[in-house]
């Protein structure tokens, strides 16, 4: 039991370490965004991360509940991502003391990095490809839902089945992916809308930070959803069916993608860790970088 708990906790622990390292080493100095915006930023990253960590960890502690079913686990990161994007889209309050209008150009690409757009679309494309492939391989279960994957054993028509990430799960999730991408694009589109504050340099830094955090929120949600899909498919790949035939004796049959099972599982762990790390980084950006005071120069009398 302890070993299982440690394995379940490993992605969470690694995500925390990676997020702290990214915040301290890779990110540029962060501007102060004010108390209300700081709380919203911390909530946008911290609440989704804690929620998904609970969904990952608690099934190993308490008996499985319906709340941890695949349909909930696949939709939860997407809905949490939408909520995070909405929180991050709320602009911080700005002060305008001057009477002169600022005419400096403001466009979406002035604040949004192309890498966030490419990353989110690339992960979404992978999700769509896997969802369509798994959906096409799924069959109807006893309730008339596309959630079963079957393989034939021998030549007698015997079949063995297991669960798969079929159309019953993937169609609502693909709708959730669409909503997340639309919300992200809308949040980015709102960034240039408010007028400049008195300090344009500080305002630009704040908007760039918000744009990056919106990208992290979306990519984190997509990566965690991808992790759910990959680990579900890894479970399907582990199916082994066996029977006894008069010609060949005992025969074992596995899915055509059985060899990919361990790779799918490890890729799922990596995607989960990366997604959680992105959300934790959002929460950490609520803490501004310390202001470095210039070194005092002292003169000594000769």
C-alpha atoms as a PDB file:
ATOM      1  CA  UNK A   1       0.000   0.000   0.000  1.00  0.00           C
ATOM      2  CA  UNK A   2       2.818   2.408   0.874  1.00  0.00           C
ATOM      3  CA  UNK A   3       4.518   1.721  -2.457  1.00  0.00           C
ATOM      4  CA  UNK A   4       1.310   2.495  -4.343  1.00  0.00           C
ATOM      5  CA  UNK A   5       0.875   5.747  -2.451  1.00  0.00           C
ATOM      6  CA  UNK A   6       4.448   6.772  -3.214  1.00  0.00           C
ATOM      7  CA  UNK A   7       3.965   6.023  -6.914  1.00  0.00           C
ATOM      8  CA  UNK A   8       0.733   8.022  -6.960  1.00  0.00           C
ATOM      9  CA  UNK A   9       2.381  10.934  -5.164  1.00  0.00           C
ATOM     10  CA  UNK A  10       5.521  11.002  -7.333  1.00  0.00           C
ATOM     11  CA  UNK A  11       4.053  13.064 -10.234  1.00  0.00           C
ATOM     12  CA  UNK A  12       2.645  15.587  -7.754  1.00  0.00           C
ATOM     13  CA  UNK A  13       5.960  15.939  -5.912  1.00  0.00           C
ATOM     14  CA  UNK A  14       7.942  16.257  -9.146  1.00  0.00           C
ATOM     15  CA  UNK A  15       5.479  18.854 -10.450  1.00  0.00           C
ATOM     16  CA  UNK A  16       5.966  20.973  -7.320  1.00  0.00           C
ATOM     17  CA  UNK A  17       9.761  20.776  -7.624  1.00  0.00           C
ATOM     18  CA  UNK A  18       9.711  21.612 -11.344  1.00  0.00           C
ATOM     19  CA  UNK A  19       7.319  24.529 -10.800  1.00  0.00           C
ATOM     20  CA  UNK A  20       9.498  26.032  -8.072  1.00  0.00           C
ATOM     21  CA  UNK A  21      12.561  25.636 -10.284  1.00  0.00           C
ATOM     22  CA  UNK A  22      10.825  27.315 -13.229  1.00  0.00           C
ATOM     23  CA  UNK A  23       9.657  30.177 -11.025  1.00  0.00           C
ATOM     24  CA  UNK A  24      13.073  30.805  -9.493  1.00  0.00           C
ATOM     25  CA  UNK A  25      15.332  30.136 -12.459  1.00  0.00           C
ATOM     26  CA  UNK A  26      13.579  30.442 -15.819  1.00  0.00           C
ATOM     27  CA  UNK A  27      11.049  33.225 -15.346  1.00  0.00           C
ATOM     28  CA  UNK A  28      12.091  36.869 -15.714  1.00  0.00           C
ATOM     29  CA  UNK A  29      11.476  39.297 -12.846  1.00  0.00           C
ATOM     30  CA  UNK A  30       7.727  39.484 -12.262  1.00  0.00           C
ATOM     31  CA  UNK A  31       5.845  42.736 -11.734  1.00  0.00           C
ATOM     32  CA  UNK A  32       3.519  43.505  -8.868  1.00  0.00           C
ATOM     33  CA  UNK A  33      -0.099  43.046  -9.970  1.00  0.00           C
ATOM     34  CA  UNK A  34      -1.931  44.218  -6.862  1.00  0.00           C
ATOM     35  CA  UNK A  35      -3.716  42.347  -4.100  1.00  0.00           C
ATOM     36  CA  UNK A  36      -7.006  41.432  -5.894  1.00  0.00           C
ATOM     37  CA  UNK A  37      -5.217  40.222  -9.031  1.00  0.00           C
ATOM     38  CA  UNK A  38      -2.672  38.302  -6.943  1.00  0.00           C
ATOM     39  CA  UNK A  39      -5.434  36.405  -5.144  1.00  0.00           C
ATOM     40  CA  UNK A  40      -7.176  35.634  -8.439  1.00  0.00           C
ATOM     41  CA  UNK A  41      -3.901  34.411  -9.949  1.00  0.00           C
ATOM     42  CA  UNK A  42      -3.143  32.209  -6.952  1.00  0.00           C
ATOM     43  CA  UNK A  43      -6.659  30.745  -7.099  1.00  0.00           C
ATOM     44  CA  UNK A  44      -6.475  30.212 -10.878  1.00  0.00           C
ATOM     45  CA  UNK A  45      -3.390  28.032 -10.473  1.00  0.00           C
ATOM     46  CA  UNK A  46      -3.679  26.610  -6.977  1.00  0.00           C
ATOM     47  CA  UNK A  47      -7.297  25.425  -6.894  1.00  0.00           C
ATOM     48  CA  UNK A  48      -7.120  23.410 -10.167  1.00  0.00           C
ATOM     49  CA  UNK A  49      -3.772  21.894  -9.137  1.00  0.00           C
ATOM     50  CA  UNK A  50      -5.061  20.844  -5.719  1.00  0.00           C
ATOM     51  CA  UNK A  51      -8.274  19.459  -7.216  1.00  0.00           C
ATOM     52  CA  UNK A  52      -6.492  17.307  -9.775  1.00  0.00           C
ATOM     53  CA  UNK A  53      -3.940  16.178  -7.192  1.00  0.00           C
ATOM     54  CA  UNK A  54      -6.862  14.979  -5.078  1.00  0.00           C
ATOM     55  CA  UNK A  55      -8.373  13.126  -8.052  1.00  0.00           C
ATOM     56  CA  UNK A  56      -5.017  11.427  -8.623  1.00  0.00           C
ATOM     57  CA  UNK A  57      -4.242  10.586  -4.998  1.00  0.00           C
ATOM     58  CA  UNK A  58      -7.499   9.914  -3.162  1.00  0.00           C
ATOM     59  CA  UNK A  59      -8.568   6.791  -5.110  1.00  0.00           C
ATOM     60  CA  UNK A  60      -5.572   5.041  -3.554  1.00  0.00           C
ATOM     61  CA  UNK A  61      -6.630   6.101  -0.049  1.00  0.00           C
ATOM     62  CA  UNK A  62     -10.407   5.609  -0.020  1.00  0.00           C
ATOM     63  CA  UNK A  63     -12.579   3.077  -1.853  1.00  0.00           C
ATOM     64  CA  UNK A  64     -13.305   4.012  -5.487  1.00  0.00           C
ATOM     65  CA  UNK A  65     -16.300   6.317  -5.832  1.00  0.00           C
ATOM     66  CA  UNK A  66     -18.342   7.391  -8.826  1.00  0.00           C
ATOM     67  CA  UNK A  67     -16.655  10.783  -8.599  1.00  0.00           C
ATOM     68  CA  UNK A  68     -13.459   9.159  -9.876  1.00  0.00           C
ATOM     69  CA  UNK A  69     -15.026   7.564 -12.972  1.00  0.00           C
ATOM     70  CA  UNK A  70     -13.325   8.089 -16.330  1.00  0.00           C
ATOM     71  CA  UNK A  71     -15.935  10.540 -17.604  1.00  0.00           C
ATOM     72  CA  UNK A  72     -15.373  12.826 -14.598  1.00  0.00           C
ATOM     73  CA  UNK A  73     -11.582  12.440 -14.648  1.00  0.00           C
ATOM     74  CA  UNK A  74     -11.453  13.318 -18.351  1.00  0.00           C
ATOM     75  CA  UNK A  75     -13.715  16.371 -18.092  1.00  0.00           C
ATOM     76  CA  UNK A  76     -12.436  17.752 -14.774  1.00  0.00           C
ATOM     77  CA  UNK A  77      -9.116  19.205 -16.049  1.00  0.00           C
ATOM     78  CA  UNK A  78     -10.847  20.859 -19.001  1.00  0.00           C
ATOM     79  CA  UNK A  79     -13.507  22.530 -16.867  1.00  0.00           C
ATOM     80  CA  UNK A  80     -10.904  23.567 -14.308  1.00  0.00           C
ATOM     81  CA  UNK A  81      -8.843  25.009 -17.140  1.00  0.00           C
ATOM     82  CA  UNK A  82     -11.803  27.048 -18.404  1.00  0.00           C
ATOM     83  CA  UNK A  83     -12.401  28.396 -14.889  1.00  0.00           C
ATOM     84  CA  UNK A  84      -8.709  29.309 -14.536  1.00  0.00           C
ATOM     85  CA  UNK A  85      -8.683  31.110 -17.888  1.00  0.00           C
ATOM     86  CA  UNK A  86     -11.769  33.125 -16.899  1.00  0.00           C
ATOM     87  CA  UNK A  87     -10.157  34.173 -13.612  1.00  0.00           C
ATOM     88  CA  UNK A  88      -6.965  35.199 -15.387  1.00  0.00           C
ATOM     89  CA  UNK A  89      -8.932  37.193 -17.966  1.00  0.00           C
ATOM     90  CA  UNK A  90     -10.116  39.620 -15.262  1.00  0.00           C
ATOM     91  CA  UNK A  91      -7.895  42.699 -15.654  1.00  0.00           C
ATOM     92  CA  UNK A  92      -6.222  44.176 -12.576  1.00  0.00           C
ATOM     93  CA  UNK A  93      -7.231  47.624 -11.505  1.00  0.00           C
ATOM     94  CA  UNK A  94      -5.102  50.406 -12.964  1.00  0.00           C
ATOM     95  CA  UNK A  95      -4.652  53.995 -11.948  1.00  0.00           C
ATOM     96  CA  UNK A  96      -4.870  56.898 -14.389  1.00  0.00           C
ATOM     97  CA  UNK A  97      -3.550  60.124 -12.936  1.00  0.00           C
ATOM     98  CA  UNK A  98      -2.465  61.813 -16.145  1.00  0.00           C
ATOM     99  CA  UNK A  99      -4.785  63.743 -18.465  1.00  0.00           C
ATOM    100  CA  UNK A 100      -2.862  62.834 -21.619  1.00  0.00           C
ATOM    101  CA  UNK A 101      -4.127  59.811 -23.564  1.00  0.00           C
ATOM    102  CA  UNK A 102      -1.587  57.117 -24.356  1.00  0.00           C
ATOM    103  CA  UNK A 103      -1.579  56.159 -28.044  1.00  0.00           C
ATOM    104  CA  UNK A 104       1.010  53.360 -27.943  1.00  0.00           C
ATOM    105  CA  UNK A 105      -0.091  50.418 -30.049  1.00  0.00           C
ATOM    106  CA  UNK A 106      -1.725  47.450 -28.287  1.00  0.00           C
ATOM    107  CA  UNK A 107      -2.346  44.163 -30.146  1.00  0.00           C
ATOM    108  CA  UNK A 108      -2.770  40.566 -29.029  1.00  0.00           C
ATOM    109  CA  UNK A 109       0.642  39.569 -30.340  1.00  0.00           C
ATOM    110  CA  UNK A 110       2.218  42.391 -28.352  1.00  0.00           C
ATOM    111  CA  UNK A 111       1.625  40.275 -25.242  1.00  0.00           C
ATOM    112  CA  UNK A 112       0.980  36.671 -26.328  1.00  0.00           C
ATOM    113  CA  UNK A 113       3.957  34.468 -27.163  1.00  0.00           C
ATOM    114  CA  UNK A 114       3.565  32.332 -30.285  1.00  0.00           C
ATOM    115  CA  UNK A 115       4.896  29.306 -28.389  1.00  0.00           C
ATOM    116  CA  UNK A 116       1.760  29.189 -26.220  1.00  0.00           C
ATOM    117  CA  UNK A 117      -0.464  29.196 -29.292  1.00  0.00           C
ATOM    118  CA  UNK A 118       1.573  26.463 -30.997  1.00  0.00           C
ATOM    119  CA  UNK A 119       1.807  24.336 -27.845  1.00  0.00           C
ATOM    120  CA  UNK A 120      -1.905  24.473 -27.063  1.00  0.00           C
ATOM    121  CA  UNK A 121      -2.902  23.652 -30.650  1.00  0.00           C
ATOM    122  CA  UNK A 122      -0.350  20.823 -30.868  1.00  0.00           C
ATOM    123  CA  UNK A 123      -1.562  19.171 -27.652  1.00  0.00           C
ATOM    124  CA  UNK A 124      -5.178  19.629 -28.769  1.00  0.00           C
ATOM    125  CA  UNK A 125      -4.354  17.963 -32.097  1.00  0.00           C
ATOM    126  CA  UNK A 126      -2.837  14.955 -30.291  1.00  0.00           C
ATOM    127  CA  UNK A 127      -5.948  14.699 -28.108  1.00  0.00           C
ATOM    128  CA  UNK A 128      -8.215  14.768 -31.153  1.00  0.00           C
ATOM    129  CA  UNK A 129      -6.169  12.102 -32.957  1.00  0.00           C
ATOM    130  CA  UNK A 130      -6.173   9.732 -29.962  1.00  0.00           C
ATOM    131  CA  UNK A 131      -9.853  10.366 -29.244  1.00  0.00           C
ATOM    132  CA  UNK A 132     -10.899   9.582 -32.813  1.00  0.00           C
ATOM    133  CA  UNK A 133      -8.714   6.453 -32.963  1.00  0.00           C
ATOM    134  CA  UNK A 134     -10.021   5.159 -29.618  1.00  0.00           C
ATOM    135  CA  UNK A 135     -13.587   6.071 -30.521  1.00  0.00           C
ATOM    136  CA  UNK A 136     -13.418   4.142 -33.787  1.00  0.00           C
ATOM    137  CA  UNK A 137     -12.066   1.105 -31.923  1.00  0.00           C
ATOM    138  CA  UNK A 138     -14.805   1.196 -29.277  1.00  0.00           C
ATOM    139  CA  UNK A 139     -17.972  -0.883 -29.274  1.00  0.00           C
ATOM    140  CA  UNK A 140     -21.310  -0.817 -27.509  1.00  0.00           C
ATOM    141  CA  UNK A 141     -21.551  -2.009 -23.921  1.00  0.00           C
ATOM    142  CA  UNK A 142     -24.660  -3.465 -22.295  1.00  0.00           C
ATOM    143  CA  UNK A 143     -25.989   0.052 -21.695  1.00  0.00           C
ATOM    144  CA  UNK A 144     -25.610   1.052 -25.334  1.00  0.00           C
ATOM    145  CA  UNK A 145     -22.550   3.241 -24.763  1.00  0.00           C
ATOM    146  CA  UNK A 146     -19.342   3.131 -26.787  1.00  0.00           C
ATOM    147  CA  UNK A 147     -16.993   2.142 -23.965  1.00  0.00           C
ATOM    148  CA  UNK A 148     -15.894  -1.434 -24.800  1.00  0.00           C
ATOM    149  CA  UNK A 149     -12.920  -2.771 -26.734  1.00  0.00           C
ATOM    150  CA  UNK A 150     -13.072  -6.442 -27.751  1.00  0.00           C
ATOM    151  CA  UNK A 151     -10.615  -8.903 -29.250  1.00  0.00           C
ATOM    152  CA  UNK A 152     -11.403 -12.265 -30.835  1.00  0.00           C
ATOM    153  CA  UNK A 153      -9.825 -15.390 -29.358  1.00  0.00           C
ATOM    154  CA  UNK A 154      -9.265 -18.369 -31.600  1.00  0.00           C
ATOM    155  CA  UNK A 155     -11.599 -19.308 -34.447  1.00  0.00           C
ATOM    156  CA  UNK A 156     -14.676 -20.183 -32.408  1.00  0.00           C
ATOM    157  CA  UNK A 157     -15.989 -16.646 -32.203  1.00  0.00           C
ATOM    158  CA  UNK A 158     -15.002 -16.221 -28.559  1.00  0.00           C
ATOM    159  CA  UNK A 159     -14.387 -12.583 -27.602  1.00  0.00           C
ATOM    160  CA  UNK A 160     -12.933 -10.831 -24.598  1.00  0.00           C
ATOM    161  CA  UNK A 161     -13.509  -7.169 -23.841  1.00  0.00           C
ATOM    162  CA  UNK A 162     -12.300  -4.383 -21.617  1.00  0.00           C
ATOM    163  CA  UNK A 163     -13.014  -0.702 -21.187  1.00  0.00           C
ATOM    164  CA  UNK A 164     -11.641   1.871 -23.608  1.00  0.00           C
ATOM    165  CA  UNK A 165     -11.742   5.622 -23.977  1.00  0.00           C
ATOM    166  CA  UNK A 166     -14.557   5.379 -26.520  1.00  0.00           C
ATOM    167  CA  UNK A 167     -17.034   7.817 -28.004  1.00  0.00           C
ATOM    168  CA  UNK A 168     -19.037   7.921 -24.772  1.00  0.00           C
ATOM    169  CA  UNK A 169     -16.097   9.688 -23.100  1.00  0.00           C
ATOM    170  CA  UNK A 170     -14.354  11.399 -26.005  1.00  0.00           C
ATOM    171  CA  UNK A 171     -17.271  13.292 -27.578  1.00  0.00           C
ATOM    172  CA  UNK A 172     -18.074  15.365 -24.436  1.00  0.00           C
ATOM    173  CA  UNK A 173     -14.352  15.820 -23.809  1.00  0.00           C
ATOM    174  CA  UNK A 174     -13.753  17.098 -27.344  1.00  0.00           C
ATOM    175  CA  UNK A 175     -16.533  19.607 -26.764  1.00  0.00           C
ATOM    176  CA  UNK A 176     -14.730  20.601 -23.546  1.00  0.00           C
ATOM    177  CA  UNK A 177     -11.458  21.024 -25.464  1.00  0.00           C
ATOM    178  CA  UNK A 178     -13.258  23.320 -27.913  1.00  0.00           C
ATOM    179  CA  UNK A 179     -14.725  25.416 -25.095  1.00  0.00           C
ATOM    180  CA  UNK A 180     -11.285  25.692 -23.471  1.00  0.00           C
ATOM    181  CA  UNK A 181      -9.612  26.841 -26.691  1.00  0.00           C
ATOM    182  CA  UNK A 182     -12.362  29.380 -27.383  1.00  0.00           C
ATOM    183  CA  UNK A 183     -12.144  30.715 -23.814  1.00  0.00           C
ATOM    184  CA  UNK A 184      -8.357  30.978 -24.131  1.00  0.00           C
ATOM    185  CA  UNK A 185      -8.575  32.852 -27.431  1.00  0.00           C
ATOM    186  CA  UNK A 186     -11.174  35.176 -25.935  1.00  0.00           C
ATOM    187  CA  UNK A 187      -9.061  35.850 -22.853  1.00  0.00           C
ATOM    188  CA  UNK A 188      -6.062  36.676 -25.038  1.00  0.00           C
ATOM    189  CA  UNK A 189      -8.230  38.931 -27.212  1.00  0.00           C
ATOM    190  CA  UNK A 190      -9.263  40.934 -24.138  1.00  0.00           C
ATOM    191  CA  UNK A 191      -5.689  41.708 -23.106  1.00  0.00           C
ATOM    192  CA  UNK A 192      -5.222  44.811 -25.323  1.00  0.00           C
ATOM    193  CA  UNK A 193      -8.679  46.213 -24.542  1.00  0.00           C
ATOM    194  CA  UNK A 194      -8.147  48.227 -21.330  1.00  0.00           C
ATOM    195  CA  UNK A 195      -6.361  51.539 -21.786  1.00  0.00           C
ATOM    196  CA  UNK A 196      -2.758  51.886 -20.726  1.00  0.00           C
ATOM    197  CA  UNK A 197      -2.098  52.778 -17.124  1.00  0.00           C
ATOM    198  CA  UNK A 198       0.208  55.664 -16.288  1.00  0.00           C
ATOM    199  CA  UNK A 199       3.248  53.369 -16.193  1.00  0.00           C
ATOM    200  CA  UNK A 200       3.260  51.757 -19.646  1.00  0.00           C
ATOM    201  CA  UNK A 201       6.347  49.636 -18.947  1.00  0.00           C
ATOM    202  CA  UNK A 202       4.799  48.095 -15.846  1.00  0.00           C
ATOM    203  CA  UNK A 203       1.426  47.684 -17.593  1.00  0.00           C
ATOM    204  CA  UNK A 204       3.066  45.848 -20.502  1.00  0.00           C
ATOM    205  CA  UNK A 205       4.867  43.494 -18.120  1.00  0.00           C
ATOM    206  CA  UNK A 206       1.613  42.729 -16.299  1.00  0.00           C
ATOM    207  CA  UNK A 207      -0.224  41.982 -19.560  1.00  0.00           C
ATOM    208  CA  UNK A 208       2.582  39.725 -20.768  1.00  0.00           C
ATOM    209  CA  UNK A 209       2.453  37.858 -17.450  1.00  0.00           C
ATOM    210  CA  UNK A 210      -1.321  37.441 -17.730  1.00  0.00           C
ATOM    211  CA  UNK A 211      -0.960  36.227 -21.333  1.00  0.00           C
ATOM    212  CA  UNK A 212       1.621  33.627 -20.306  1.00  0.00           C
ATOM    213  CA  UNK A 213      -0.501  32.484 -17.374  1.00  0.00           C
ATOM    214  CA  UNK A 214      -3.540  32.087 -19.638  1.00  0.00           C
ATOM    215  CA  UNK A 215      -1.382  29.928 -21.910  1.00  0.00           C
ATOM    216  CA  UNK A 216      -0.177  27.900 -18.931  1.00  0.00           C
ATOM    217  CA  UNK A 217      -3.746  27.408 -17.721  1.00  0.00           C
ATOM    218  CA  UNK A 218      -4.904  26.134 -21.108  1.00  0.00           C
ATOM    219  CA  UNK A 219      -1.861  23.956 -21.824  1.00  0.00           C
ATOM    220  CA  UNK A 220      -1.911  22.550 -18.300  1.00  0.00           C
ATOM    221  CA  UNK A 221      -5.559  21.535 -18.686  1.00  0.00           C
ATOM    222  CA  UNK A 222      -4.925  19.961 -22.088  1.00  0.00           C
ATOM    223  CA  UNK A 223      -1.876  18.058 -20.835  1.00  0.00           C
ATOM    224  CA  UNK A 224      -3.700  16.655 -17.792  1.00  0.00           C
ATOM    225  CA  UNK A 225      -6.639  15.629 -19.964  1.00  0.00           C
ATOM    226  CA  UNK A 226      -4.159  14.002 -22.362  1.00  0.00           C
ATOM    227  CA  UNK A 227      -2.658  12.148 -19.388  1.00  0.00           C
ATOM    228  CA  UNK A 228      -6.085  10.696 -18.549  1.00  0.00           C
ATOM    229  CA  UNK A 229      -6.528   9.552 -22.151  1.00  0.00           C
ATOM    230  CA  UNK A 230      -3.059   8.019 -22.397  1.00  0.00           C
ATOM    231  CA  UNK A 231      -3.295   6.116 -19.119  1.00  0.00           C
ATOM    232  CA  UNK A 232      -6.753   4.841 -20.018  1.00  0.00           C
ATOM    233  CA  UNK A 233      -5.430   3.537 -23.344  1.00  0.00           C
ATOM    234  CA  UNK A 234      -2.475   1.989 -21.505  1.00  0.00           C
ATOM    235  CA  UNK A 235      -4.958   0.037 -19.396  1.00  0.00           C
ATOM    236  CA  UNK A 236      -6.762  -1.116 -22.534  1.00  0.00           C
ATOM    237  CA  UNK A 237      -3.448  -2.226 -24.054  1.00  0.00           C
ATOM    238  CA  UNK A 238      -2.845  -4.549 -21.093  1.00  0.00           C
ATOM    239  CA  UNK A 239      -5.795  -6.776 -22.049  1.00  0.00           C
ATOM    240  CA  UNK A 240      -4.788 -10.431 -22.507  1.00  0.00           C
ATOM    241  CA  UNK A 241      -7.237 -13.058 -23.725  1.00  0.00           C
ATOM    242  CA  UNK A 242      -6.489 -16.783 -23.675  1.00  0.00           C
ATOM    243  CA  UNK A 243      -8.250 -19.937 -24.800  1.00  0.00           C
ATOM    244  CA  UNK A 244      -7.453 -23.559 -25.597  1.00  0.00           C
ATOM    245  CA  UNK A 245      -7.666 -24.925 -29.146  1.00  0.00           C
ATOM    246  CA  UNK A 246      -7.333 -28.478 -30.421  1.00  0.00           C
ATOM    247  CA  UNK A 247      -4.801 -27.447 -33.069  1.00  0.00           C
ATOM    248  CA  UNK A 248      -2.512 -25.081 -31.134  1.00  0.00           C
ATOM    249  CA  UNK A 249      -3.323 -25.758 -27.507  1.00  0.00           C
ATOM    250  CA  UNK A 250      -3.325 -22.691 -25.273  1.00  0.00           C
ATOM    251  CA  UNK A 251      -3.532 -19.441 -27.249  1.00  0.00           C
ATOM    252  CA  UNK A 252      -3.105 -15.940 -25.844  1.00  0.00           C
ATOM    253  CA  UNK A 253      -4.234 -12.834 -27.722  1.00  0.00           C
ATOM    254  CA  UNK A 254      -3.430  -9.176 -26.994  1.00  0.00           C
ATOM    255  CA  UNK A 255      -4.498  -5.919 -28.672  1.00  0.00           C
ATOM    256  CA  UNK A 256      -2.427  -4.840 -31.687  1.00  0.00           C
ATOM    257  CA  UNK A 257      -1.060  -1.914 -29.664  1.00  0.00           C
ATOM    258  CA  UNK A 258      -0.205  -3.972 -26.566  1.00  0.00           C
ATOM    259  CA  UNK A 259       3.517  -3.212 -26.944  1.00  0.00           C
ATOM    260  CA  UNK A 260       2.744   0.484 -26.579  1.00  0.00           C
ATOM    261  CA  UNK A 261       1.149   0.000 -23.163  1.00  0.00           C
ATOM    262  CA  UNK A 262       4.180   0.933 -21.015  1.00  0.00           C
ATOM    263  CA  UNK A 263       5.034   3.863 -23.312  1.00  0.00           C
ATOM    264  CA  UNK A 264       1.482   5.186 -23.125  1.00  0.00           C
ATOM    265  CA  UNK A 265       1.535   4.921 -19.348  1.00  0.00           C
ATOM    266  CA  UNK A 266       4.845   6.745 -18.972  1.00  0.00           C
ATOM    267  CA  UNK A 267       3.794   9.439 -21.440  1.00  0.00           C
ATOM    268  CA  UNK A 268       0.651   9.869 -19.358  1.00  0.00           C
ATOM    269  CA  UNK A 269       2.712  10.347 -16.200  1.00  0.00           C
ATOM    270  CA  UNK A 270       4.920  12.919 -17.941  1.00  0.00           C
ATOM    271  CA  UNK A 271       1.904  14.807 -19.289  1.00  0.00           C
ATOM    272  CA  UNK A 272       0.272  14.812 -15.836  1.00  0.00           C
ATOM    273  CA  UNK A 273       3.452  16.117 -14.208  1.00  0.00           C
ATOM    274  CA  UNK A 274       3.911  18.832 -16.828  1.00  0.00           C
ATOM    275  CA  UNK A 275       0.291  19.949 -16.585  1.00  0.00           C
ATOM    276  CA  UNK A 276       0.335  20.170 -12.797  1.00  0.00           C
ATOM    277  CA  UNK A 277       3.650  22.051 -12.919  1.00  0.00           C
ATOM    278  CA  UNK A 278       2.157  24.659 -15.266  1.00  0.00           C
ATOM    279  CA  UNK A 279      -0.775  25.248 -12.933  1.00  0.00           C
ATOM    280  CA  UNK A 280       1.508  25.511  -9.903  1.00  0.00           C
ATOM    281  CA  UNK A 281       3.703  28.022 -11.736  1.00  0.00           C
ATOM    282  CA  UNK A 282       0.597  30.194 -12.235  1.00  0.00           C
ATOM    283  CA  UNK A 283       0.001  30.229  -8.488  1.00  0.00           C
ATOM    284  CA  UNK A 284       3.652  31.070  -7.828  1.00  0.00           C
ATOM    285  CA  UNK A 285       3.579  34.034 -10.219  1.00  0.00           C
ATOM    286  CA  UNK A 286       1.185  35.730  -7.804  1.00  0.00           C
ATOM    287  CA  UNK A 287       4.298  36.403  -5.716  1.00  0.00           C
ATOM    288  CA  UNK A 288       6.194  39.299  -7.342  1.00  0.00           C
ATOM    289  CA  UNK A 289       9.940  39.280  -7.670  1.00  0.00           C
ATOM    290  CA  UNK A 290      11.736  41.139  -4.879  1.00  0.00           C
ATOM    291  CA  UNK A 291      12.806  44.650  -5.753  1.00  0.00           C
ATOM    292  CA  UNK A 292      16.555  44.898  -5.789  1.00  0.00           C
ATOM    293  CA  UNK A 293      17.807  48.005  -4.043  1.00  0.00           C
ATOM    294  CA  UNK A 294      20.878  49.684  -5.568  1.00  0.00           C
ATOM    295  CA  UNK A 295      23.986  49.153  -3.554  1.00  0.00           C
ATOM    296  CA  UNK A 296      24.811  52.085  -1.322  1.00  0.00           C
ATOM    297  CA  UNK A 297      28.048  53.870  -2.102  1.00  0.00           C
ATOM    298  CA  UNK A 298      29.983  55.036   0.899  1.00  0.00           C
ATOM    299  CA  UNK A 299      32.887  57.394   0.757  1.00  0.00           C
ATOM    300  CA  UNK A 300      35.586  57.321   3.362  1.00  0.00           C
ATOM    301  CA  UNK A 301      37.554  60.368   4.322  1.00  0.00           C
ATOM    302  CA  UNK A 302      41.226  60.124   3.637  1.00  0.00           C
END
